[in-house]
């Protein structure tokens, strides 16, 4: 666990310790039924964890308050060590009711985090590497609806999945949307509000909604 900044007052440290202890206590109960938990497990108030037998956690995994982790998937949800899922973030591989296709799932490497209000639609395979920082309100959609046949409803034509990969050491800014089939290369930075529709080369900096490569690191 990281050390608290030395400038934090004793009163504020106490608040942090009490809040953390509550998350650990909640985690002791919520870890029951998970496929694997390798160490301490922190769960915020109001977090929902469903289909636990498909969820694998390393050490010091944190599901913050009001997050929603829906495990129903063919390959499970795999969280490495020191992973944080932010408040009100939803991870969903499949329908809540088990109808339609069962989604693939998620892999998330050590020391990676997703900020508050994120959405991870991992019906197709999503792989997030190590040391990846994902900001608030980021959405990943590993699925596309088929719509070629105009004589049929779009809903009836099903979906296709290519998957999404975010390689190690990336920073994904607030409000970014990443669509199916995209790979974001190692060490890249995606600026706030960018819509990512195609692959990003390693060590790129992309920061507008047309996904223009502005510079290299």
C-alpha atoms as a PDB file:
ATOM      1  CA  UNK A   1       0.000   0.000   0.000  1.00  0.00           C
ATOM      2  CA  UNK A   2       1.264   3.543  -0.741  1.00  0.00           C
ATOM      3  CA  UNK A   3       2.220   5.791   2.175  1.00  0.00           C
ATOM      4  CA  UNK A   4       0.069   8.748   3.137  1.00  0.00           C
ATOM      5  CA  UNK A   5       1.611  12.126   2.339  1.00  0.00           C
ATOM      6  CA  UNK A   6       3.529  13.510   5.320  1.00  0.00           C
ATOM      7  CA  UNK A   7       1.679  16.824   5.037  1.00  0.00           C
ATOM      8  CA  UNK A   8      -1.684  15.201   5.860  1.00  0.00           C
ATOM      9  CA  UNK A   9      -2.832  16.105   9.376  1.00  0.00           C
ATOM     10  CA  UNK A  10      -3.420  13.535  12.110  1.00  0.00           C
ATOM     11  CA  UNK A  11      -7.148  14.227  11.986  1.00  0.00           C
ATOM     12  CA  UNK A  12      -7.297  13.654   8.240  1.00  0.00           C
ATOM     13  CA  UNK A  13      -5.161  10.528   8.567  1.00  0.00           C
ATOM     14  CA  UNK A  14      -7.645   9.162  11.085  1.00  0.00           C
ATOM     15  CA  UNK A  15     -10.503   9.775   8.647  1.00  0.00           C
ATOM     16  CA  UNK A  16      -8.580   7.949   5.914  1.00  0.00           C
ATOM     17  CA  UNK A  17      -7.758   5.033   8.215  1.00  0.00           C
ATOM     18  CA  UNK A  18     -11.357   4.646   9.376  1.00  0.00           C
ATOM     19  CA  UNK A  19     -12.698   4.754   5.834  1.00  0.00           C
ATOM     20  CA  UNK A  20     -10.104   2.228   4.690  1.00  0.00           C
ATOM     21  CA  UNK A  21     -10.843  -0.130   7.575  1.00  0.00           C
ATOM     22  CA  UNK A  22     -14.538  -0.030   6.681  1.00  0.00           C
ATOM     23  CA  UNK A  23     -13.666  -0.999   3.093  1.00  0.00           C
ATOM     24  CA  UNK A  24     -11.477  -3.868   4.293  1.00  0.00           C
ATOM     25  CA  UNK A  25     -14.233  -5.120   6.603  1.00  0.00           C
ATOM     26  CA  UNK A  26     -16.742  -4.941   3.763  1.00  0.00           C
ATOM     27  CA  UNK A  27     -14.254  -6.730   1.525  1.00  0.00           C
ATOM     28  CA  UNK A  28     -13.940  -9.619   4.005  1.00  0.00           C
ATOM     29  CA  UNK A  29     -17.633 -10.300   3.480  1.00  0.00           C
ATOM     30  CA  UNK A  30     -17.844  -9.512  -0.236  1.00  0.00           C
ATOM     31  CA  UNK A  31     -14.874 -11.723  -1.142  1.00  0.00           C
ATOM     32  CA  UNK A  32     -16.918 -14.819  -0.322  1.00  0.00           C
ATOM     33  CA  UNK A  33     -17.798 -16.569  -3.565  1.00  0.00           C
ATOM     34  CA  UNK A  34     -15.136 -14.867  -5.704  1.00  0.00           C
ATOM     35  CA  UNK A  35     -13.123 -17.233  -7.897  1.00  0.00           C
ATOM     36  CA  UNK A  36      -9.858 -15.920  -6.435  1.00  0.00           C
ATOM     37  CA  UNK A  37      -8.592 -13.188  -4.107  1.00  0.00           C
ATOM     38  CA  UNK A  38      -4.850 -13.095  -3.448  1.00  0.00           C
ATOM     39  CA  UNK A  39      -4.692 -10.463  -0.701  1.00  0.00           C
ATOM     40  CA  UNK A  40      -6.524  -7.563   0.897  1.00  0.00           C
ATOM     41  CA  UNK A  41      -9.782  -6.658  -0.857  1.00  0.00           C
ATOM     42  CA  UNK A  42     -11.345  -3.200  -0.451  1.00  0.00           C
ATOM     43  CA  UNK A  43     -15.033  -2.613  -1.180  1.00  0.00           C
ATOM     44  CA  UNK A  44     -16.778   0.747  -0.925  1.00  0.00           C
ATOM     45  CA  UNK A  45     -20.307   1.282   0.348  1.00  0.00           C
ATOM     46  CA  UNK A  46     -22.999   0.390  -2.172  1.00  0.00           C
ATOM     47  CA  UNK A  47     -20.684  -1.511  -4.532  1.00  0.00           C
ATOM     48  CA  UNK A  48     -22.465  -4.363  -6.337  1.00  0.00           C
ATOM     49  CA  UNK A  49     -20.582  -7.522  -7.284  1.00  0.00           C
ATOM     50  CA  UNK A  50     -22.587 -10.101  -9.228  1.00  0.00           C
ATOM     51  CA  UNK A  51     -21.676 -13.557 -10.614  1.00  0.00           C
ATOM     52  CA  UNK A  52     -18.654 -13.712  -8.323  1.00  0.00           C
ATOM     53  CA  UNK A  53     -17.447 -17.115  -9.519  1.00  0.00           C
ATOM     54  CA  UNK A  54     -16.219 -15.404 -12.718  1.00  0.00           C
ATOM     55  CA  UNK A  55     -14.149 -12.744 -10.905  1.00  0.00           C
ATOM     56  CA  UNK A  56     -10.421 -13.095 -10.097  1.00  0.00           C
ATOM     57  CA  UNK A  57      -8.585 -10.528  -7.954  1.00  0.00           C
ATOM     58  CA  UNK A  58      -4.944 -10.012  -7.078  1.00  0.00           C
ATOM     59  CA  UNK A  59      -3.668  -8.140  -4.018  1.00  0.00           C
ATOM     60  CA  UNK A  60      -5.112  -4.819  -2.856  1.00  0.00           C
ATOM     61  CA  UNK A  61      -7.927  -4.643  -5.389  1.00  0.00           C
ATOM     62  CA  UNK A  62     -10.358  -1.784  -4.709  1.00  0.00           C
ATOM     63  CA  UNK A  63     -13.964  -1.563  -5.869  1.00  0.00           C
ATOM     64  CA  UNK A  64     -14.979   1.924  -4.773  1.00  0.00           C
ATOM     65  CA  UNK A  65     -18.416   3.035  -3.563  1.00  0.00           C
ATOM     66  CA  UNK A  66     -21.393   2.410  -5.858  1.00  0.00           C
ATOM     67  CA  UNK A  67     -19.319   0.657  -8.510  1.00  0.00           C
ATOM     68  CA  UNK A  68     -20.940  -2.248 -10.338  1.00  0.00           C
ATOM     69  CA  UNK A  69     -18.917  -5.337 -11.249  1.00  0.00           C
ATOM     70  CA  UNK A  70     -20.976  -7.782 -13.314  1.00  0.00           C
ATOM     71  CA  UNK A  71     -18.989 -10.995 -13.663  1.00  0.00           C
ATOM     72  CA  UNK A  72     -21.112 -13.071 -16.043  1.00  0.00           C
ATOM     73  CA  UNK A  73     -18.715 -13.827 -18.922  1.00  0.00           C
ATOM     74  CA  UNK A  74     -17.085 -16.684 -20.813  1.00  0.00           C
ATOM     75  CA  UNK A  75     -13.508 -15.842 -19.763  1.00  0.00           C
ATOM     76  CA  UNK A  76     -14.067 -13.956 -16.522  1.00  0.00           C
ATOM     77  CA  UNK A  77     -12.921 -10.643 -15.088  1.00  0.00           C
ATOM     78  CA  UNK A  78      -9.244 -10.709 -14.075  1.00  0.00           C
ATOM     79  CA  UNK A  79      -7.873  -7.867 -11.938  1.00  0.00           C
ATOM     80  CA  UNK A  80      -4.146  -7.701 -11.163  1.00  0.00           C
ATOM     81  CA  UNK A  81      -2.498  -6.371  -8.004  1.00  0.00           C
ATOM     82  CA  UNK A  82      -3.283  -2.813  -6.840  1.00  0.00           C
ATOM     83  CA  UNK A  83      -6.151  -2.288  -9.273  1.00  0.00           C
ATOM     84  CA  UNK A  84      -8.760   0.384  -8.503  1.00  0.00           C
ATOM     85  CA  UNK A  85     -12.261   0.627  -9.973  1.00  0.00           C
ATOM     86  CA  UNK A  86     -13.665   4.100  -9.310  1.00  0.00           C
ATOM     87  CA  UNK A  87     -16.984   5.218  -7.859  1.00  0.00           C
ATOM     88  CA  UNK A  88     -20.072   4.610 -10.001  1.00  0.00           C
ATOM     89  CA  UNK A  89     -18.019   2.746 -12.614  1.00  0.00           C
ATOM     90  CA  UNK A  90     -19.809  -0.136 -14.335  1.00  0.00           C
ATOM     91  CA  UNK A  91     -18.120  -3.227 -15.795  1.00  0.00           C
ATOM     92  CA  UNK A  92     -20.566  -5.214 -17.907  1.00  0.00           C
ATOM     93  CA  UNK A  93     -19.736  -8.148 -20.184  1.00  0.00           C
ATOM     94  CA  UNK A  94     -23.308  -9.426 -20.551  1.00  0.00           C
ATOM     95  CA  UNK A  95     -26.981  -8.613 -20.061  1.00  0.00           C
ATOM     96  CA  UNK A  96     -28.139  -8.417 -16.465  1.00  0.00           C
ATOM     97  CA  UNK A  97     -30.696 -11.111 -17.257  1.00  0.00           C
ATOM     98  CA  UNK A  98     -28.447 -13.530 -19.156  1.00  0.00           C
ATOM     99  CA  UNK A  99     -30.258 -13.068 -22.478  1.00  0.00           C
ATOM    100  CA  UNK A 100     -28.403 -12.845 -25.798  1.00  0.00           C
ATOM    101  CA  UNK A 101     -24.704 -13.596 -26.092  1.00  0.00           C
ATOM    102  CA  UNK A 102     -22.577 -14.080 -22.992  1.00  0.00           C
ATOM    103  CA  UNK A 103     -19.691 -11.606 -23.203  1.00  0.00           C
ATOM    104  CA  UNK A 104     -15.999 -12.413 -23.176  1.00  0.00           C
ATOM    105  CA  UNK A 105     -14.697 -10.443 -20.174  1.00  0.00           C
ATOM    106  CA  UNK A 106     -11.820  -8.272 -19.004  1.00  0.00           C
ATOM    107  CA  UNK A 107      -8.124  -8.449 -18.129  1.00  0.00           C
ATOM    108  CA  UNK A 108      -6.638  -5.578 -16.140  1.00  0.00           C
ATOM    109  CA  UNK A 109      -2.944  -5.490 -15.237  1.00  0.00           C
ATOM    110  CA  UNK A 110      -1.116  -4.532 -12.042  1.00  0.00           C
ATOM    111  CA  UNK A 111      -1.268  -0.935 -10.767  1.00  0.00           C
ATOM    112  CA  UNK A 112      -3.967   0.141 -13.212  1.00  0.00           C
ATOM    113  CA  UNK A 113      -7.045   2.183 -12.373  1.00  0.00           C
ATOM    114  CA  UNK A 114     -10.352   3.373 -13.788  1.00  0.00           C
ATOM    115  CA  UNK A 115     -11.724   6.680 -12.514  1.00  0.00           C
ATOM    116  CA  UNK A 116     -15.280   7.475 -11.394  1.00  0.00           C
ATOM    117  CA  UNK A 117     -18.331   7.118 -13.647  1.00  0.00           C
ATOM    118  CA  UNK A 118     -16.592   4.880 -16.175  1.00  0.00           C
ATOM    119  CA  UNK A 119     -18.237   2.251 -18.366  1.00  0.00           C
ATOM    120  CA  UNK A 120     -16.483  -0.902 -19.556  1.00  0.00           C
ATOM    121  CA  UNK A 121     -18.618  -2.877 -21.981  1.00  0.00           C
ATOM    122  CA  UNK A 122     -16.509  -6.026 -22.275  1.00  0.00           C
ATOM    123  CA  UNK A 123     -18.817  -8.222 -24.325  1.00  0.00           C
ATOM    124  CA  UNK A 124     -15.749  -8.480 -26.551  1.00  0.00           C
ATOM    125  CA  UNK A 125     -12.329  -9.078 -25.013  1.00  0.00           C
ATOM    126  CA  UNK A 126     -10.885  -5.995 -23.308  1.00  0.00           C
ATOM    127  CA  UNK A 127      -7.271  -6.090 -22.161  1.00  0.00           C
ATOM    128  CA  UNK A 128      -5.859  -3.237 -20.082  1.00  0.00           C
ATOM    129  CA  UNK A 129      -2.141  -3.445 -19.382  1.00  0.00           C
ATOM    130  CA  UNK A 130      -0.041  -2.546 -16.356  1.00  0.00           C
ATOM    131  CA  UNK A 131       0.295   0.998 -14.951  1.00  0.00           C
ATOM    132  CA  UNK A 132      -2.602   2.327 -17.006  1.00  0.00           C
ATOM    133  CA  UNK A 133      -4.403   5.424 -15.712  1.00  0.00           C
ATOM    134  CA  UNK A 134      -7.974   5.820 -16.968  1.00  0.00           C
ATOM    135  CA  UNK A 135      -9.678   9.063 -15.993  1.00  0.00           C
ATOM    136  CA  UNK A 136     -13.279   9.826 -15.014  1.00  0.00           C
ATOM    137  CA  UNK A 137     -16.215   9.175 -17.360  1.00  0.00           C
ATOM    138  CA  UNK A 138     -14.229   7.066 -19.819  1.00  0.00           C
ATOM    139  CA  UNK A 139     -16.232   4.538 -21.869  1.00  0.00           C
ATOM    140  CA  UNK A 140     -14.981   1.404 -23.623  1.00  0.00           C
ATOM    141  CA  UNK A 141     -17.322  -0.431 -26.013  1.00  0.00           C
ATOM    142  CA  UNK A 142     -16.009  -3.780 -27.295  1.00  0.00           C
ATOM    143  CA  UNK A 143     -19.062  -4.419 -29.461  1.00  0.00           C
ATOM    144  CA  UNK A 144     -20.784  -3.184 -32.614  1.00  0.00           C
ATOM    145  CA  UNK A 145     -24.317  -3.792 -33.807  1.00  0.00           C
ATOM    146  CA  UNK A 146     -24.797  -5.306 -37.263  1.00  0.00           C
ATOM    147  CA  UNK A 147     -27.041  -3.145 -39.456  1.00  0.00           C
ATOM    148  CA  UNK A 148     -26.339  -4.008 -43.121  1.00  0.00           C
ATOM    149  CA  UNK A 149     -29.730  -5.599 -43.830  1.00  0.00           C
ATOM    150  CA  UNK A 150     -32.206  -2.716 -44.092  1.00  0.00           C
ATOM    151  CA  UNK A 151     -35.140  -5.156 -44.339  1.00  0.00           C
ATOM    152  CA  UNK A 152     -34.509  -6.290 -40.751  1.00  0.00           C
ATOM    153  CA  UNK A 153     -34.404  -4.336 -37.515  1.00  0.00           C
ATOM    154  CA  UNK A 154     -30.936  -3.497 -36.265  1.00  0.00           C
ATOM    155  CA  UNK A 155     -31.745  -5.173 -32.986  1.00  0.00           C
ATOM    156  CA  UNK A 156     -32.504  -8.493 -34.707  1.00  0.00           C
ATOM    157  CA  UNK A 157     -29.190  -8.580 -36.631  1.00  0.00           C
ATOM    158  CA  UNK A 158     -27.004  -9.227 -33.613  1.00  0.00           C
ATOM    159  CA  UNK A 159     -23.548  -7.924 -32.833  1.00  0.00           C
ATOM    160  CA  UNK A 160     -19.887  -8.436 -33.675  1.00  0.00           C
ATOM    161  CA  UNK A 161     -16.838  -8.101 -31.456  1.00  0.00           C
ATOM    162  CA  UNK A 162     -13.173  -7.404 -32.213  1.00  0.00           C
ATOM    163  CA  UNK A 163     -11.971  -6.415 -28.755  1.00  0.00           C
ATOM    164  CA  UNK A 164     -10.008  -3.513 -27.278  1.00  0.00           C
ATOM    165  CA  UNK A 165      -6.398  -3.448 -26.050  1.00  0.00           C
ATOM    166  CA  UNK A 166      -4.775  -0.692 -23.995  1.00  0.00           C
ATOM    167  CA  UNK A 167      -1.088  -1.508 -23.610  1.00  0.00           C
ATOM    168  CA  UNK A 168       1.110  -0.762 -20.568  1.00  0.00           C
ATOM    169  CA  UNK A 169       1.826   2.722 -19.210  1.00  0.00           C
ATOM    170  CA  UNK A 170      -0.965   4.644 -20.932  1.00  0.00           C
ATOM    171  CA  UNK A 171      -2.896   7.662 -19.660  1.00  0.00           C
ATOM    172  CA  UNK A 172      -6.487   7.916 -20.877  1.00  0.00           C
ATOM    173  CA  UNK A 173      -7.968  11.340 -20.108  1.00  0.00           C
ATOM    174  CA  UNK A 174     -11.409  12.240 -18.813  1.00  0.00           C
ATOM    175  CA  UNK A 175     -14.383  11.629 -21.088  1.00  0.00           C
ATOM    176  CA  UNK A 176     -12.520   9.550 -23.689  1.00  0.00           C
ATOM    177  CA  UNK A 177     -14.590   7.052 -25.711  1.00  0.00           C
ATOM    178  CA  UNK A 178     -12.794   3.991 -27.121  1.00  0.00           C
ATOM    179  CA  UNK A 179     -14.625   1.901 -29.705  1.00  0.00           C
ATOM    180  CA  UNK A 180     -14.367  -1.774 -30.655  1.00  0.00           C
ATOM    181  CA  UNK A 181     -11.312  -2.986 -32.572  1.00  0.00           C
ATOM    182  CA  UNK A 182      -8.887  -0.382 -31.193  1.00  0.00           C
ATOM    183  CA  UNK A 183      -5.385  -0.984 -29.834  1.00  0.00           C
ATOM    184  CA  UNK A 184      -3.724   1.874 -27.949  1.00  0.00           C
ATOM    185  CA  UNK A 185       0.035   1.417 -28.001  1.00  0.00           C
ATOM    186  CA  UNK A 186       2.421   1.341 -25.051  1.00  0.00           C
ATOM    187  CA  UNK A 187       3.079   4.672 -23.363  1.00  0.00           C
ATOM    188  CA  UNK A 188       0.413   6.674 -25.186  1.00  0.00           C
ATOM    189  CA  UNK A 189      -1.590   9.631 -23.870  1.00  0.00           C
ATOM    190  CA  UNK A 190      -5.185  10.208 -24.994  1.00  0.00           C
ATOM    191  CA  UNK A 191      -6.457  13.702 -24.202  1.00  0.00           C
ATOM    192  CA  UNK A 192      -9.788  14.464 -22.560  1.00  0.00           C
ATOM    193  CA  UNK A 193     -12.880  14.073 -24.714  1.00  0.00           C
ATOM    194  CA  UNK A 194     -11.199  12.205 -27.585  1.00  0.00           C
ATOM    195  CA  UNK A 195     -13.179   9.665 -29.601  1.00  0.00           C
ATOM    196  CA  UNK A 196     -10.803   6.806 -30.463  1.00  0.00           C
ATOM    197  CA  UNK A 197     -11.909   4.813 -33.517  1.00  0.00           C
ATOM    198  CA  UNK A 198      -8.613   3.431 -34.843  1.00  0.00           C
ATOM    199  CA  UNK A 199      -5.306   2.142 -33.536  1.00  0.00           C
ATOM    200  CA  UNK A 200      -2.870   4.481 -31.775  1.00  0.00           C
ATOM    201  CA  UNK A 201       0.875   3.885 -32.194  1.00  0.00           C
ATOM    202  CA  UNK A 202       3.104   3.500 -29.138  1.00  0.00           C
ATOM    203  CA  UNK A 203       4.191   6.699 -27.367  1.00  0.00           C
ATOM    204  CA  UNK A 204       1.651   8.861 -29.178  1.00  0.00           C
ATOM    205  CA  UNK A 205      -0.143  11.912 -27.801  1.00  0.00           C
ATOM    206  CA  UNK A 206      -3.676  12.290 -29.179  1.00  0.00           C
ATOM    207  CA  UNK A 207      -5.881  15.122 -27.977  1.00  0.00           C
ATOM    208  CA  UNK A 208      -8.746  16.083 -30.203  1.00  0.00           C
ATOM    209  CA  UNK A 209     -12.071  14.562 -31.195  1.00  0.00           C
ATOM    210  CA  UNK A 210     -10.879  13.813 -34.723  1.00  0.00           C
ATOM    211  CA  UNK A 211      -8.098  11.656 -33.235  1.00  0.00           C
ATOM    212  CA  UNK A 212      -5.350  13.628 -34.933  1.00  0.00           C
ATOM    213  CA  UNK A 213      -1.821  12.625 -33.937  1.00  0.00           C
ATOM    214  CA  UNK A 214      -0.532  15.889 -32.573  1.00  0.00           C
ATOM    215  CA  UNK A 215       2.948  14.800 -31.573  1.00  0.00           C
ATOM    216  CA  UNK A 216       5.096  11.994 -30.249  1.00  0.00           C
ATOM    217  CA  UNK A 217       6.443  11.821 -26.725  1.00  0.00           C
END
